[in-house]
Amino acid sequence: MDTSNAVDMNGTSPETTQVRVPDLERIRNARKRRMIQIKEWQQYDRKMTRESEKQQRKGISPIGDKSMHRAGRHVNFPQSLIFLEAAARGDLDEG
């Protein structure tokens, strides 16, 4: 009997079984990496929370608070760009 085309009772060939083992191993490794990633993120989050609380006690704004910087920023476009955009929209009052 030729065993090169053998199929077991479940309908899978020996080659299929060999392919699934690396897939399962890859999934396990991905789960391990994800758990490490989550652990590192939690450590970072705790650290940032502690630093933010320390700064609030000192009266300094938190690290992530950029509201002071946003208020002073303005975007200025050159007049040629404003004219080009108004012409593209067909706006006769602009420019």
N, C-alpha and C. Protein backbone atom coordinates (compact mmCIF):
# COMPACT_ATOMS: atom_id res chain seq x y z
N MET A 1 0.84 -1.19 0.00
CA MET A 1 0.00 0.00 0.00
C MET A 1 0.88 1.24 0.00
N ASP A 2 0.50 2.23 -0.79
CA ASP A 2 1.26 3.47 -0.91
C ASP A 2 0.88 4.40 0.24
N THR A 3 1.85 4.78 1.08
CA THR A 3 1.57 5.63 2.24
C THR A 3 1.79 7.11 1.97
N SER A 4 2.23 7.46 0.76
CA SER A 4 2.48 8.87 0.46
C SER A 4 1.19 9.68 0.40
N ASN A 5 0.08 9.06 0.06
CA ASN A 5 -1.21 9.74 0.00
C ASN A 5 -2.13 9.31 1.13
N ALA A 6 -1.56 8.84 2.22
CA ALA A 6 -2.35 8.33 3.34
C ALA A 6 -3.08 9.46 4.05
N VAL A 7 -4.33 9.16 4.43
CA VAL A 7 -5.15 10.10 5.17
C VAL A 7 -5.65 9.37 6.39
N ASP A 8 -5.56 10.00 7.57
CA ASP A 8 -6.01 9.31 8.77
C ASP A 8 -7.53 9.40 8.92
N MET A 9 -8.04 8.91 10.03
CA MET A 9 -9.48 8.81 10.25
C MET A 9 -10.15 10.19 10.31
N ASN A 10 -9.43 11.22 10.71
CA ASN A 10 -10.01 12.57 10.82
C ASN A 10 -10.01 13.30 9.49
N GLY A 11 -9.43 12.72 8.47
CA GLY A 11 -9.40 13.35 7.16
C GLY A 11 -8.21 14.28 6.96
N THR A 12 -7.23 14.18 7.84
CA THR A 12 -6.05 15.03 7.69
C THR A 12 -4.87 14.17 7.29
N SER A 13 -4.01 14.73 6.52
CA SER A 13 -2.81 14.01 6.11
C SER A 13 -1.68 14.35 7.08
N PRO A 14 -0.63 13.57 7.10
CA PRO A 14 0.51 13.86 7.99
C PRO A 14 1.12 15.24 7.70
N GLU A 15 1.10 15.69 6.46
CA GLU A 15 1.66 17.00 6.13
C GLU A 15 0.86 18.13 6.78
N THR A 16 -0.46 17.97 6.84
CA THR A 16 -1.32 18.98 7.44
C THR A 16 -1.00 19.11 8.92
N THR A 17 -0.78 18.01 9.60
CA THR A 17 -0.46 18.02 11.02
C THR A 17 0.85 18.75 11.26
N GLN A 18 1.82 18.55 10.38
CA GLN A 18 3.12 19.20 10.54
C GLN A 18 3.00 20.71 10.33
N VAL A 19 2.09 21.16 9.50
CA VAL A 19 1.92 22.59 9.25
C VAL A 19 1.26 23.25 10.45
N ARG A 20 0.36 22.58 11.12
CA ARG A 20 -0.37 23.17 12.23
C ARG A 20 0.52 23.37 13.46
N VAL A 21 1.50 22.55 13.66
CA VAL A 21 2.36 22.68 14.83
C VAL A 21 3.07 24.03 14.83
N PRO A 22 3.71 24.45 13.74
CA PRO A 22 4.33 25.77 13.76
C PRO A 22 3.30 26.89 13.94
N ASP A 23 2.08 26.71 13.40
CA ASP A 23 1.05 27.73 13.58
C ASP A 23 0.70 27.87 15.06
N LEU A 24 0.54 26.75 15.76
CA LEU A 24 0.23 26.81 17.18
C LEU A 24 1.38 27.44 17.95
N GLU A 25 2.59 27.11 17.56
CA GLU A 25 3.76 27.68 18.22
C GLU A 25 3.82 29.19 17.98
N ARG A 26 3.51 29.59 16.77
CA ARG A 26 3.51 31.01 16.44
C ARG A 26 2.44 31.75 17.25
N ILE A 27 1.28 31.13 17.41
CA ILE A 27 0.21 31.74 18.20
C ILE A 27 0.63 31.86 19.66
N ARG A 28 1.25 30.81 20.20
CA ARG A 28 1.73 30.87 21.59
C ARG A 28 2.75 31.98 21.77
N ASN A 29 3.67 32.09 20.82
CA ASN A 29 4.69 33.14 20.90
C ASN A 29 4.06 34.52 20.80
N ALA A 30 3.05 34.65 19.95
CA ALA A 30 2.36 35.94 19.81
C ALA A 30 1.65 36.30 21.11
N ARG A 31 1.04 35.32 21.76
CA ARG A 31 0.37 35.57 23.04
C ARG A 31 1.37 36.00 24.10
N LYS A 32 2.54 35.34 24.13
CA LYS A 32 3.58 35.71 25.09
C LYS A 32 4.04 37.14 24.85
N ARG A 33 4.29 37.48 23.58
CA ARG A 33 4.73 38.84 23.26
C ARG A 33 3.67 39.86 23.64
N ARG A 34 2.41 39.53 23.42
CA ARG A 34 1.31 40.45 23.76
C ARG A 34 1.22 40.63 25.27
N MET A 35 1.40 39.56 26.03
CA MET A 35 1.37 39.66 27.49
C MET A 35 2.51 40.55 27.98
N ILE A 36 3.68 40.40 27.38
CA ILE A 36 4.82 41.24 27.75
C ILE A 36 4.52 42.69 27.40
N GLN A 37 3.93 42.91 26.24
CA GLN A 37 3.59 44.26 25.81
C GLN A 37 2.59 44.91 26.78
N ILE A 38 1.59 44.15 27.19
CA ILE A 38 0.58 44.67 28.12
C ILE A 38 1.23 44.99 29.47
N LYS A 39 2.10 44.11 29.94
CA LYS A 39 2.79 44.32 31.21
C LYS A 39 3.64 45.59 31.16
N GLU A 40 4.39 45.77 30.07
CA GLU A 40 5.22 46.97 29.92
C GLU A 40 4.36 48.22 29.86
N TRP A 41 3.22 48.15 29.18
CA TRP A 41 2.33 49.30 29.09
C TRP A 41 1.77 49.66 30.46
N GLN A 42 1.39 48.65 31.25
CA GLN A 42 0.86 48.91 32.58
C GLN A 42 1.92 49.57 33.47
N GLN A 43 3.17 49.11 33.36
CA GLN A 43 4.25 49.71 34.13
C GLN A 43 4.45 51.17 33.71
N TYR A 44 4.44 51.42 32.42
CA TYR A 44 4.59 52.79 31.90
C TYR A 44 3.44 53.67 32.38
N ASP A 45 2.23 53.13 32.32
CA ASP A 45 1.05 53.88 32.72
C ASP A 45 1.11 54.24 34.20
N ARG A 46 1.52 53.28 35.04
CA ARG A 46 1.66 53.56 36.48
C ARG A 46 2.72 54.64 36.72
N LYS A 47 3.83 54.55 36.01
CA LYS A 47 4.91 55.53 36.15
C LYS A 47 4.42 56.93 35.78
N MET A 48 3.72 57.03 34.65
CA MET A 48 3.23 58.33 34.20
C MET A 48 2.17 58.88 35.16
N THR A 49 1.35 58.02 35.72
CA THR A 49 0.33 58.46 36.67
C THR A 49 1.00 59.02 37.92
N ARG A 50 2.04 58.31 38.41
CA ARG A 50 2.76 58.80 39.59
C ARG A 50 3.43 60.14 39.31
N GLU A 51 4.06 60.28 38.16
CA GLU A 51 4.73 61.54 37.82
C GLU A 51 3.71 62.68 37.69
N SER A 52 2.57 62.38 37.12
CA SER A 52 1.52 63.39 36.97
C SER A 52 1.01 63.83 38.34
N GLU A 53 0.82 62.88 39.24
CA GLU A 53 0.36 63.21 40.59
C GLU A 53 1.40 64.05 41.32
N LYS A 54 2.68 63.73 41.16
CA LYS A 54 3.75 64.52 41.79
C LYS A 54 3.74 65.95 41.28
N GLN A 55 3.58 66.11 39.96
CA GLN A 55 3.59 67.44 39.38
C GLN A 55 2.36 68.24 39.80
N GLN A 56 1.22 67.57 39.94
CA GLN A 56 0.02 68.26 40.38
C GLN A 56 0.18 68.76 41.81
N ARG A 57 0.85 67.95 42.66
CA ARG A 57 1.10 68.37 44.04
C ARG A 57 2.02 69.59 44.08
N LYS A 58 2.95 69.66 43.13
CA LYS A 58 3.88 70.79 43.08
C LYS A 58 3.25 72.00 42.39
N GLY A 59 2.11 71.83 41.75
CA GLY A 59 1.45 72.93 41.08
C GLY A 59 1.84 73.08 39.62
N ILE A 60 2.49 72.08 39.07
CA ILE A 60 2.90 72.10 37.67
C ILE A 60 1.86 71.33 36.88
N SER A 61 1.57 71.78 35.65
CA SER A 61 0.58 71.07 34.83
C SER A 61 1.11 69.68 34.47
N PRO A 62 0.21 68.72 34.31
CA PRO A 62 0.63 67.36 33.96
C PRO A 62 1.38 67.30 32.63
N ILE A 63 2.13 66.23 32.43
CA ILE A 63 2.95 66.05 31.24
C ILE A 63 2.09 66.05 29.98
N GLY A 64 0.97 65.38 30.00
CA GLY A 64 0.12 65.26 28.81
C GLY A 64 -0.72 66.49 28.53
N ASP A 65 -0.74 67.46 29.45
CA ASP A 65 -1.58 68.64 29.27
C ASP A 65 -0.86 69.65 28.39
N LYS A 66 -1.37 69.86 27.19
CA LYS A 66 -0.74 70.79 26.26
C LYS A 66 -1.66 71.97 25.96
N SER A 67 -2.64 72.20 26.82
CA SER A 67 -3.61 73.26 26.55
C SER A 67 -2.95 74.63 26.54
N MET A 68 -1.91 74.84 27.34
CA MET A 68 -1.22 76.13 27.36
C MET A 68 -0.53 76.39 26.04
N HIS A 69 0.00 75.35 25.42
CA HIS A 69 0.73 75.52 24.17
C HIS A 69 -0.22 75.73 22.99
N ARG A 70 -1.37 75.13 23.03
CA ARG A 70 -2.31 75.21 21.91
C ARG A 70 -2.90 76.60 21.76
N ALA A 71 -3.10 77.30 22.87
CA ALA A 71 -3.75 78.60 22.82
C ALA A 71 -2.92 79.62 22.04
N GLY A 72 -1.61 79.52 22.09
CA GLY A 72 -0.76 80.50 21.44
C GLY A 72 -0.40 80.17 20.01
N ARG A 73 -0.80 79.05 19.49
CA ARG A 73 -0.41 78.66 18.14
C ARG A 73 -1.45 79.08 17.12
N HIS A 74 -0.95 79.60 16.02
CA HIS A 74 -1.81 79.95 14.89
C HIS A 74 -1.13 79.46 13.62
N VAL A 75 -1.92 79.09 12.67
CA VAL A 75 -1.38 78.66 11.38
C VAL A 75 -1.55 79.80 10.41
N ASN A 76 -0.47 80.21 9.78
CA ASN A 76 -0.51 81.29 8.81
C ASN A 76 -0.14 80.74 7.44
N PHE A 77 -1.00 81.01 6.46
CA PHE A 77 -0.75 80.57 5.09
C PHE A 77 -0.34 81.77 4.25
N PRO A 78 0.52 81.55 3.27
CA PRO A 78 0.88 82.66 2.37
C PRO A 78 -0.35 83.09 1.56
N GLN A 79 -0.36 84.36 1.17
CA GLN A 79 -1.50 84.91 0.43
C GLN A 79 -1.72 84.17 -0.89
N SER A 80 -0.64 83.73 -1.52
CA SER A 80 -0.79 83.01 -2.79
C SER A 80 -1.55 81.70 -2.59
N LEU A 81 -1.32 81.03 -1.47
CA LEU A 81 -2.03 79.78 -1.19
C LEU A 81 -3.50 80.06 -0.87
N ILE A 82 -3.76 81.12 -0.15
CA ILE A 82 -5.14 81.49 0.17
C ILE A 82 -5.90 81.81 -1.12
N PHE A 83 -5.25 82.54 -2.02
CA PHE A 83 -5.88 82.88 -3.30
C PHE A 83 -6.15 81.62 -4.12
N LEU A 84 -5.17 80.71 -4.18
CA LEU A 84 -5.32 79.47 -4.94
C LEU A 84 -6.48 78.63 -4.41
N GLU A 85 -6.59 78.54 -3.10
CA GLU A 85 -7.66 77.75 -2.49
C GLU A 85 -9.02 78.39 -2.76
N ALA A 86 -9.09 79.72 -2.67
CA ALA A 86 -10.35 80.42 -2.93
C ALA A 86 -10.76 80.26 -4.39
N ALA A 87 -9.78 80.31 -5.30
CA ALA A 87 -10.08 80.13 -6.72
C ALA A 87 -10.58 78.71 -6.99
N ALA A 88 -10.02 77.75 -6.31
CA ALA A 88 -10.44 76.36 -6.49
C ALA A 88 -11.87 76.16 -6.02
N ARG A 89 -12.27 76.88 -4.97
CA ARG A 89 -13.63 76.78 -4.46
C ARG A 89 -14.60 77.65 -5.23
N GLY A 90 -14.08 78.59 -6.01
CA GLY A 90 -14.96 79.51 -6.74
C GLY A 90 -15.47 80.63 -5.85
N ASP A 91 -14.75 80.94 -4.79
CA ASP A 91 -15.16 81.97 -3.84
C ASP A 91 -14.66 83.33 -4.33
N LEU A 92 -15.58 84.21 -4.71
CA LEU A 92 -15.20 85.52 -5.24
C LEU A 92 -14.89 86.52 -4.13
N ASP A 93 -15.44 86.32 -2.94
CA ASP A 93 -15.24 87.26 -1.84
C ASP A 93 -13.88 87.07 -1.16
N GLU A 94 -13.35 85.89 -1.22
CA GLU A 94 -12.06 85.59 -0.59
C GLU A 94 -10.94 86.12 -1.46
N GLY A 95 -9.84 86.51 -0.85
CA GLY A 95 -8.66 86.84 -1.63
C GLY A 95 -8.50 88.22 -1.87
